[in-house]
Amino acid sequence: MDFREAEAFLDRTRKHGIKPSLERAASLCRKLGDPQKRFPSIHVTGTNGKTSTARMMASVLREGGRRVALYTSPHLQSVTERIVVDGRPIREEDFAKLMTRLIPLVEETDRETGDPLSYFEVSTALAFAYFAARQVDVAVVEVGMGGRWDATNLVNAGVAVITNVAMDHVAELGPGLAEIAGEKAGIIKPGCVAVGGALCPEALKVVEAVCAEKEVPLKLLGRDFDLLYQVTLGVQTERLGQVVGIRGLFRQYADLYLPLLGDHQAVNAACAVAALEVWAGSPRRLPAAEVERGLAKVSSPGRLEVASYNPLVLLDGAHNLDGAQKLARVLANDLDYERMVLVLGILEDKDWRSMLNVLVPLADTVIITRSREERAASAEMLAAEARRLCREVQVVEGVAEAVRRARTLASVSDLVCVTGSLYTVGEAREALHLKTG
């Protein structure tokens, strides 16, 4: 089996959808010898920010000479992006070899349970097997959705991180913040330490109750650790991002360079540092120099990513209202440009009206598009709403063509912002010939 055949098998499992249960994934992992138990983990959930926070932690951990695994989702261009060791995505030949091993076990599990494994369950089991085979020192594992019944919750992590809680995936996680927080708090297990980021009062109440019930210490942003300051450097060819000060659990960190845009990324950095301090257990095991070097080297593709200059092209996978609001703050406050051309493609199961209300008024020209993802909203439907908010609205069906159109409309002093979903951003990265590794 080659990579394309392996990828095709995995893609066929998409039709099985999302089903709340750990039983199927646990059964598959048992057949693999429970590889997720052969390495220590840091587990990360949250409505937004979990991928960037996970990437920050992995970058810092690598500075200590450790073999570090990183599992994130969704991918932007290739499934191999999800499964990373020492900063390198799994090789296509290794992915194919592992999938060849997994397929009979997947089919056996499907027969036993009568409930076929999902795309995410199979890819998670493959990641665990790869990490165990590579004998990693630590894995930073990002939740796919929620936490309690997410396939990643098979890890027995010593640190459980909840970056934030906002409204998203309400059909699967519940109609309110308390219900969503309860699902995310499902990664908190006896014996671990929980780290909480920007939690609203309703979510915090739930997380605190779960921690009390399971006798788990909770380290909280604004109480046990904090972001002391954040200075945006803007977009410059030599020094993109911001400088932050963090009060950690061990020490204060002054003037840390973070090559990412947005005050929310500064908060994510504070959470990442606190989680790493918990994992390390002592200042000696996490020198300040490692934190400084690791944060300075971090990247987070598709998250306020600068793709090119003159004109400035910004890619951000904001896929819900909370993400759109964070992006809007950056667009309004942190960047210098004459006009903005906004390229938008949103999934139909999101709160797209609210997202349009936040983002479209900031733009001079809006190009509505539709990604190849089957859940993508109709471009005409989005455009009808967008025309209430902006006089210049165009419809371009393909993302690649929409990006090309936007760049032709923008002068060197303008901004092109591509957003609305990670699927839209992934296709934009392909069109711009950006590498995934």
Protein backbone atom coordinates (compact mmCIF):
# COMPACT_ATOMS: atom_id res chain seq x y z
CA MET A 1 0.00 0.00 0.00
CA ASP A 2 1.36 3.42 -0.96
CA PHE A 3 0.52 6.77 0.64
CA ARG A 4 -2.29 7.64 -1.77
CA GLU A 5 -4.00 4.31 -1.11
CA ALA A 6 -3.55 4.75 2.65
CA GLU A 7 -4.96 8.27 2.48
CA ALA A 8 -7.88 7.05 0.37
CA PHE A 9 -8.76 4.39 2.97
CA LEU A 10 -8.70 6.98 5.73
CA ASP A 11 -10.80 9.39 3.67
CA ARG A 12 -13.49 6.72 3.23
CA THR A 13 -13.98 6.68 7.01
CA ARG A 14 -15.23 10.29 6.89
CA LYS A 15 -18.69 9.01 6.00
CA HIS A 16 -18.99 7.48 9.49
CA GLY A 17 -19.16 10.94 11.06
CA ILE A 18 -18.64 11.89 14.71
CA LYS A 19 -20.04 9.56 17.36
CA PRO A 20 -19.63 10.29 21.09
CA SER A 21 -17.84 7.24 22.50
CA LEU A 22 -14.37 6.13 23.52
CA GLU A 23 -15.13 2.41 23.13
CA ARG A 24 -14.22 2.06 19.45
CA ALA A 25 -10.92 3.94 19.72
CA ALA A 26 -10.02 2.10 22.94
CA SER A 27 -10.66 -1.25 21.25
CA LEU A 28 -8.44 -0.35 18.30
CA CYS A 29 -5.65 0.89 20.54
CA ARG A 30 -5.79 -2.30 22.63
CA LYS A 31 -5.17 -4.29 19.45
CA LEU A 32 -2.09 -2.11 18.88
CA GLY A 33 -0.83 -2.77 22.42
CA ASP A 34 -2.05 0.55 23.83
CA PRO A 35 0.81 2.64 22.39
CA GLN A 36 -0.56 5.81 24.03
CA LYS A 37 0.56 4.40 27.40
CA ARG A 38 4.20 4.21 26.36
CA PHE A 39 4.99 7.92 26.54
CA PRO A 40 4.06 10.81 28.87
CA SER A 41 1.63 13.37 27.49
CA ILE A 42 0.40 16.91 27.86
CA HIS A 43 -3.27 17.09 26.79
CA VAL A 44 -4.70 20.34 25.36
CA THR A 45 -8.32 21.30 24.73
CA GLY A 46 -10.23 24.56 24.23
CA THR A 47 -12.57 26.18 21.77
CA ASN A 48 -9.79 28.26 20.20
CA GLY A 49 -6.05 28.54 20.70
CA LYS A 50 -5.30 24.90 21.42
CA THR A 51 -3.24 24.29 18.27
CA SER A 52 -1.06 27.37 18.80
CA THR A 53 -0.66 26.57 22.51
CA ALA A 54 0.34 22.99 21.68
CA ARG A 55 2.84 24.20 19.09
CA MET A 56 4.38 26.59 21.60
CA MET A 57 4.84 23.82 24.15
CA ALA A 58 6.37 21.45 21.60
CA SER A 59 8.78 24.14 20.42
CA VAL A 60 9.98 24.87 23.96
CA LEU A 61 10.30 21.19 24.86
CA ARG A 62 12.50 20.57 21.82
CA GLU A 63 14.92 23.23 23.04
CA GLY A 64 15.76 20.93 25.95
CA GLY A 65 17.00 18.24 23.58
CA ARG A 66 13.93 16.06 24.04
CA ARG A 67 12.30 13.93 21.36
CA VAL A 68 8.92 15.63 21.19
CA ALA A 69 5.73 14.43 19.51
CA LEU A 70 2.96 16.80 18.48
CA TYR A 71 -0.56 15.78 17.46
CA THR A 72 -2.88 18.47 16.10
CA SER A 73 -5.96 18.73 13.89
CA PRO A 74 -7.35 19.48 11.44
CA HIS A 75 -4.62 19.58 8.83
CA LEU A 76 -4.35 22.37 6.30
CA GLN A 77 -2.92 20.57 3.28
CA SER A 78 -1.78 17.04 4.13
CA VAL A 79 -2.85 14.56 6.79
CA THR A 80 0.84 14.10 7.62
CA GLU A 81 0.80 17.54 9.28
CA ARG A 82 -1.20 16.09 12.16
CA ILE A 83 1.54 13.68 13.25
CA VAL A 84 4.86 15.33 14.01
CA VAL A 85 8.04 14.22 15.80
CA ASP A 86 10.96 16.60 16.35
CA GLY A 87 9.26 19.22 14.21
CA ARG A 88 8.92 16.94 11.17
CA PRO A 89 5.63 15.54 9.89
CA ILE A 90 5.43 11.78 9.50
CA ARG A 91 6.90 10.62 6.18
CA GLU A 92 4.37 9.45 3.63
CA GLU A 93 6.00 6.02 3.45
CA ASP A 94 5.80 5.64 7.25
CA PHE A 95 2.16 6.71 7.17
CA ALA A 96 1.41 4.09 4.51
CA LYS A 97 3.28 1.37 6.41
CA LEU A 98 1.37 2.06 9.61
CA MET A 99 -1.96 2.27 7.79
CA THR A 100 -1.26 -1.13 6.20
CA ARG A 101 -0.86 -2.49 9.72
CA LEU A 102 -3.97 -0.72 10.99
CA ILE A 103 -6.47 -1.63 8.28
CA PRO A 104 -7.09 -5.27 9.36
CA LEU A 105 -7.42 -4.09 12.97
CA VAL A 106 -9.85 -1.34 11.95
CA GLU A 107 -11.95 -3.84 10.01
CA GLU A 108 -11.90 -6.27 12.93
CA THR A 109 -12.94 -3.54 15.36
CA ASP A 110 -15.74 -2.44 13.05
CA ARG A 111 -17.08 -6.02 12.93
CA GLU A 112 -16.87 -6.42 16.71
CA THR A 113 -18.57 -3.17 17.61
CA GLY A 114 -20.95 -2.92 14.67
CA ASP A 115 -20.14 0.80 14.73
CA PRO A 116 -17.41 1.84 12.23
CA LEU A 117 -14.43 3.83 13.41
CA SER A 118 -14.30 7.49 12.38
CA TYR A 119 -11.58 9.34 10.49
CA PHE A 120 -10.34 10.99 13.67
CA GLU A 121 -10.30 7.74 15.67
CA VAL A 122 -8.22 5.94 13.05
CA SER A 123 -5.78 8.83 12.57
CA THR A 124 -5.37 9.20 16.34
CA ALA A 125 -4.56 5.51 16.80
CA LEU A 126 -2.04 5.77 13.95
CA ALA A 127 -0.42 8.78 15.63
CA PHE A 128 -0.14 6.95 18.95
CA ALA A 129 1.49 3.97 17.23
CA TYR A 130 3.96 6.23 15.44
CA PHE A 131 4.89 8.14 18.59
CA ALA A 132 5.48 4.90 20.49
CA ALA A 133 7.61 3.47 17.68
CA ARG A 134 9.73 6.64 17.65
CA GLN A 135 10.18 6.34 21.44
CA VAL A 136 9.31 9.96 22.09
CA ASP A 137 10.14 11.56 25.43
CA VAL A 138 6.86 13.47 25.59
CA ALA A 139 3.82 14.04 23.39
CA VAL A 140 1.76 17.22 23.22
CA VAL A 141 -1.69 16.00 22.20
CA GLU A 142 -4.45 18.32 21.00
CA VAL A 143 -8.09 17.32 21.40
CA GLY A 144 -10.09 17.13 18.19
CA MET A 145 -13.47 18.13 19.64
CA GLY A 146 -14.63 18.54 23.21
CA GLY A 147 -12.57 16.20 25.34
CA ARG A 148 -14.61 13.66 27.33
CA TRP A 149 -15.26 11.25 24.45
CA ASP A 150 -12.55 12.49 22.07
CA ALA A 151 -10.24 9.70 20.89
CA THR A 152 -7.23 11.56 22.30
CA ASN A 153 -8.69 11.12 25.79
CA LEU A 154 -7.15 7.64 25.86
CA VAL A 155 -3.89 9.27 26.95
CA ASN A 156 -3.29 9.48 30.67
CA ALA A 157 -1.73 12.93 30.67
CA GLY A 158 -0.02 14.47 33.66
CA VAL A 159 -1.10 17.96 32.54
CA ALA A 160 -4.56 18.87 31.21
CA VAL A 161 -4.82 22.30 29.56
CA ILE A 162 -8.08 24.12 28.79
CA THR A 163 -7.23 27.24 26.80
CA ASN A 164 -10.73 28.77 26.72
CA VAL A 165 -14.41 27.94 26.28
CA ALA A 166 -16.70 29.60 23.74
CA MET A 167 -19.73 28.66 21.68
CA ASP A 168 -18.88 26.13 18.97
CA HIS A 169 -19.92 22.61 17.95
CA VAL A 170 -23.14 23.05 19.91
CA ALA A 171 -24.80 20.07 18.20
CA GLU A 172 -22.11 17.76 19.55
CA LEU A 173 -21.05 19.46 22.80
CA GLY A 174 -24.20 21.12 24.09
CA PRO A 175 -26.19 24.34 23.77
CA GLY A 176 -24.45 26.44 26.43
CA LEU A 177 -21.05 27.34 27.84
CA ALA A 178 -21.54 25.17 30.92
CA GLU A 179 -22.26 22.07 28.84
CA ILE A 180 -19.32 22.75 26.51
CA ALA A 181 -17.02 23.34 29.49
CA GLY A 182 -18.16 20.05 30.99
CA GLU A 183 -17.19 18.18 27.83
CA LYS A 184 -13.78 19.86 27.70
CA ALA A 185 -13.19 19.23 31.40
CA GLY A 186 -13.51 15.53 30.59
CA ILE A 187 -9.76 15.44 29.93
CA ILE A 188 -9.13 16.18 33.62
CA LYS A 189 -8.27 12.90 35.36
CA PRO A 190 -7.24 12.02 38.92
CA GLY A 191 -3.51 12.45 39.37
CA CYS A 192 -3.04 15.20 36.80
CA VAL A 193 -2.73 18.97 37.20
CA ALA A 194 -5.16 21.19 35.28
CA VAL A 195 -4.17 24.50 33.69
CA GLY A 196 -6.94 26.96 32.84
CA GLY A 197 -6.59 29.86 30.44
CA ALA A 198 -9.09 32.60 29.62
CA LEU A 199 -12.13 30.90 31.14
CA CYS A 200 -15.37 32.85 31.43
CA PRO A 201 -17.14 32.65 34.83
CA GLU A 202 -19.66 30.06 33.64
CA ALA A 203 -16.96 27.76 32.26
CA LEU A 204 -14.64 28.31 35.24
CA LYS A 205 -17.36 27.21 37.67
CA VAL A 206 -17.67 23.90 35.83
CA VAL A 207 -13.92 23.34 35.59
CA GLU A 208 -13.43 24.11 39.28
CA ALA A 209 -16.18 21.64 40.19
CA VAL A 210 -14.58 18.87 38.12
CA CYS A 211 -11.18 19.57 39.65
CA ALA A 212 -12.65 19.47 43.16
CA GLU A 213 -14.48 16.21 42.46
CA LYS A 214 -11.34 14.54 41.12
CA GLU A 215 -9.01 16.18 43.66
CA VAL A 216 -6.98 17.79 40.90
CA PRO A 217 -5.06 21.06 41.45
CA LEU A 218 -6.06 23.88 39.09
CA LYS A 219 -3.51 26.47 37.98
CA LEU A 220 -5.43 29.45 36.66
CA LEU A 221 -4.57 32.42 34.44
CA GLY A 222 -4.82 35.67 36.40
CA ARG A 223 -4.42 33.91 39.72
CA ASP A 224 -1.52 31.45 39.66
CA PHE A 225 0.16 32.76 36.51
CA ASP A 226 -0.47 35.72 34.25
CA LEU A 227 0.35 37.71 31.15
CA LEU A 228 2.12 40.80 32.48
CA TYR A 229 2.36 42.81 29.28
CA GLN A 230 2.21 42.50 25.51
CA VAL A 231 3.74 44.88 22.96
CA THR A 232 2.82 44.37 19.33
CA LEU A 233 5.68 44.80 16.88
CA GLY A 234 3.39 44.86 13.87
CA VAL A 235 4.25 43.31 10.55
CA GLN A 236 7.85 43.90 9.61
CA THR A 237 9.96 41.72 7.39
CA GLU A 238 12.60 41.15 10.07
CA ARG A 239 10.61 41.06 13.30
CA LEU A 240 6.99 39.99 13.06
CA GLY A 241 4.91 39.48 16.19
CA GLN A 242 5.12 40.79 19.73
CA VAL A 243 7.12 40.97 22.94
CA VAL A 244 5.48 39.58 26.08
CA GLY A 245 6.12 39.38 29.79
CA ILE A 246 4.82 36.37 31.69
CA ARG A 247 4.51 35.63 35.40
CA GLY A 248 4.91 31.89 35.52
CA LEU A 249 4.61 29.41 38.36
CA PHE A 250 8.40 29.31 38.80
CA ARG A 251 9.60 32.76 37.79
CA GLN A 252 8.88 35.87 35.77
CA TYR A 253 9.90 35.91 32.11
CA ALA A 254 10.67 39.36 30.70
CA ASP A 255 10.70 40.48 27.06
CA LEU A 256 9.98 37.13 25.44
CA TYR A 257 9.81 37.41 21.66
CA LEU A 258 6.78 35.67 20.15
CA PRO A 259 6.68 35.66 16.33
CA LEU A 260 2.87 35.46 16.23
CA LEU A 261 0.25 38.17 15.92
CA GLY A 262 -2.66 38.85 18.28
CA ASP A 263 -3.05 39.50 21.99
CA HIS A 264 -4.80 36.12 22.25
CA GLN A 265 -1.51 34.48 21.22
CA ALA A 266 0.19 36.25 24.14
CA VAL A 267 -2.42 34.67 26.46
CA ASN A 268 -1.81 31.31 24.79
CA ALA A 269 1.91 31.74 25.48
CA ALA A 270 1.24 32.33 29.18
CA CYS A 271 -0.85 29.15 29.31
CA ALA A 272 1.84 27.20 27.45
CA VAL A 273 4.55 28.33 29.85
CA ALA A 274 2.47 27.47 32.94
CA ALA A 275 1.64 24.03 31.54
CA LEU A 276 5.31 23.36 30.82
CA GLU A 277 6.26 24.41 34.34
CA VAL A 278 3.71 21.96 35.72
CA TRP A 279 5.08 19.23 33.47
CA ALA A 280 8.70 20.00 34.43
CA GLY A 281 7.96 20.04 38.16
CA SER A 282 10.98 22.19 39.01
CA PRO A 283 12.76 25.28 37.62
CA ARG A 284 15.87 23.20 36.97
CA ARG A 285 14.04 21.02 34.44
CA LEU A 286 12.78 24.03 32.50
CA PRO A 287 15.48 26.72 32.23
CA ALA A 288 14.30 30.19 31.26
CA ALA A 289 16.60 30.10 28.24
CA GLU A 290 14.70 27.12 26.81
CA VAL A 291 11.42 28.98 27.17
CA GLU A 292 12.89 32.05 25.48
CA ARG A 293 14.37 30.12 22.55
CA GLY A 294 11.34 27.89 22.08
CA LEU A 295 8.80 30.71 21.93
CA ALA A 296 11.03 32.69 19.57
CA LYS A 297 11.04 29.77 17.10
CA VAL A 298 7.36 28.83 17.20
CA SER A 299 5.18 28.91 14.11
CA SER A 300 1.47 28.26 13.74
CA PRO A 301 0.45 27.98 10.07
CA GLY A 302 -2.99 29.28 9.26
CA ARG A 303 -3.26 31.23 12.50
CA LEU A 304 -2.69 34.90 11.66
CA GLU A 305 -0.02 33.67 9.27
CA VAL A 306 1.73 36.21 7.07
CA ALA A 307 1.93 34.51 3.68
CA SER A 308 3.57 37.31 1.71
CA TYR A 309 4.27 41.05 1.61
CA ASN A 310 3.51 43.87 -0.86
CA PRO A 311 0.61 43.40 -0.62
CA LEU A 312 0.46 41.89 2.83
CA VAL A 313 -1.43 38.56 2.69
CA LEU A 314 -2.72 37.28 6.03
CA LEU A 315 -4.22 33.80 6.51
CA ASP A 316 -6.31 33.04 9.59
CA GLY A 317 -8.44 29.97 10.21
CA ALA A 318 -11.01 31.78 12.38
CA HIS A 319 -13.93 29.39 12.12
CA ASN A 320 -16.33 30.58 14.82
CA LEU A 321 -17.50 33.83 16.38
CA ASP A 322 -14.83 33.88 19.08
CA GLY A 323 -12.09 33.38 16.48
CA ALA A 324 -13.60 36.05 14.23
CA GLN A 325 -13.64 38.54 17.10
CA LYS A 326 -9.98 37.86 17.88
CA LEU A 327 -9.05 38.32 14.23
CA ALA A 328 -11.07 41.54 14.05
CA ARG A 329 -9.10 43.01 16.97
CA VAL A 330 -5.84 42.36 15.14
CA LEU A 331 -7.16 43.80 11.87
CA ALA A 332 -8.43 46.92 13.62
CA ASN A 333 -5.54 47.57 15.99
CA ASP A 334 -2.28 45.86 15.03
CA LEU A 335 -1.75 46.25 11.29
CA ASP A 336 -1.01 49.21 9.01
CA TYR A 337 -2.65 49.14 5.59
CA GLU A 338 -4.58 51.38 3.23
CA ARG A 339 -7.45 49.12 2.15
CA MET A 340 -8.46 45.57 3.00
CA VAL A 341 -9.62 42.88 0.61
CA LEU A 342 -11.33 40.20 2.67
CA VAL A 343 -11.63 36.66 1.27
CA LEU A 344 -14.24 34.65 3.19
CA GLY A 345 -15.30 31.01 3.04
CA ILE A 346 -17.25 29.64 6.03
CA LEU A 347 -18.81 26.28 6.90
CA GLU A 348 -22.59 26.23 6.89
CA ASP A 349 -22.85 24.67 10.38
CA LYS A 350 -21.09 27.68 11.97
CA ASP A 351 -22.61 30.93 13.20
CA TRP A 352 -21.76 32.53 9.88
CA ARG A 353 -24.10 35.49 10.18
CA SER A 354 -22.40 36.64 13.38
CA MET A 355 -18.98 36.07 11.83
CA LEU A 356 -19.92 38.20 8.83
CA ASN A 357 -21.24 40.94 11.12
CA VAL A 358 -17.85 41.08 12.86
CA LEU A 359 -15.52 40.87 9.86
CA VAL A 360 -17.22 42.30 6.78
CA PRO A 361 -17.60 45.92 8.03
CA LEU A 362 -13.82 46.13 8.38
CA ALA A 363 -13.25 45.45 4.68
CA ASP A 364 -13.25 47.70 1.64
CA THR A 365 -13.84 44.78 -0.73
CA VAL A 366 -15.18 41.35 0.15
CA ILE A 367 -14.70 38.24 -1.97
CA ILE A 368 -16.94 35.37 -0.92
CA THR A 369 -15.79 31.91 -1.89
CA ARG A 370 -16.44 28.24 -1.15
CA SER A 371 -13.86 25.63 -0.19
CA ARG A 372 -13.95 22.02 -1.39
CA GLU A 373 -15.14 20.86 2.04
CA GLU A 374 -18.63 19.39 1.70
CA ARG A 375 -19.87 21.37 4.72
CA ALA A 376 -18.87 24.69 3.15
CA ALA A 377 -21.65 27.26 2.98
CA SER A 378 -22.98 28.45 -0.36
CA ALA A 379 -21.02 31.46 -1.60
CA GLU A 380 -24.21 33.10 -2.87
CA MET A 381 -25.89 32.68 0.50
CA LEU A 382 -22.96 34.31 2.33
CA ALA A 383 -22.73 37.06 -0.27
CA ALA A 384 -26.40 37.98 0.14
CA GLU A 385 -25.76 38.65 3.82
CA ALA A 386 -22.39 40.34 3.22
CA ARG A 387 -23.95 42.87 0.82
CA ARG A 388 -25.89 44.35 3.74
CA LEU A 389 -22.57 45.19 5.38
CA CYS A 390 -20.26 46.18 2.52
CA ARG A 391 -20.93 47.85 -0.83
CA GLU A 392 -18.23 45.96 -2.75
CA VAL A 393 -18.93 42.21 -2.59
CA GLN A 394 -17.87 39.67 -5.22
CA VAL A 395 -18.44 35.93 -5.49
CA VAL A 396 -15.62 33.67 -6.69
CA GLU A 397 -16.40 29.98 -6.24
CA GLY A 398 -12.90 28.48 -5.91
CA VAL A 399 -10.56 29.52 -3.10
CA ALA A 400 -7.47 29.55 -5.32
CA GLU A 401 -9.16 31.84 -7.85
CA ALA A 402 -10.52 34.03 -5.01
CA VAL A 403 -7.01 34.52 -3.65
CA ARG A 404 -5.70 35.38 -7.12
CA ARG A 405 -8.52 37.89 -7.61
CA ALA A 406 -7.85 39.48 -4.22
CA ARG A 407 -4.16 39.94 -4.95
CA THR A 408 -4.90 41.62 -8.28
CA LEU A 409 -7.28 44.04 -6.54
CA ALA A 410 -4.81 44.96 -3.80
CA SER A 411 -2.06 47.54 -4.13
CA VAL A 412 1.29 47.13 -2.37
CA SER A 413 0.02 49.12 0.63
CA ASP A 414 -3.16 47.07 1.04
CA LEU A 415 -4.02 43.96 3.06
CA VAL A 416 -5.50 40.71 1.75
CA CYS A 417 -7.01 38.65 4.58
CA VAL A 418 -8.18 35.09 3.89
CA THR A 419 -10.33 33.58 6.63
CA GLY A 420 -13.56 31.84 7.65
CA SER A 421 -12.34 28.27 8.11
CA LEU A 422 -9.18 26.20 8.21
CA TYR A 423 -10.34 24.48 5.01
CA THR A 424 -10.42 27.84 3.23
CA VAL A 425 -6.99 28.71 4.59
CA GLY A 426 -5.57 25.32 3.62
CA GLU A 427 -6.63 25.80 0.01
CA ALA A 428 -5.22 29.32 0.08
CA ARG A 429 -1.88 27.95 1.26
CA GLU A 430 -1.90 25.52 -1.65
CA ALA A 431 -2.62 28.35 -4.08
CA LEU A 432 0.25 30.37 -2.61
CA HIS A 433 2.61 27.36 -2.77
CA LEU A 434 3.33 27.40 0.96
CA LYS A 435 4.96 24.32 2.44
CA THR A 436 3.27 22.37 5.22
CA GLY A 437 6.32 21.02 7.04
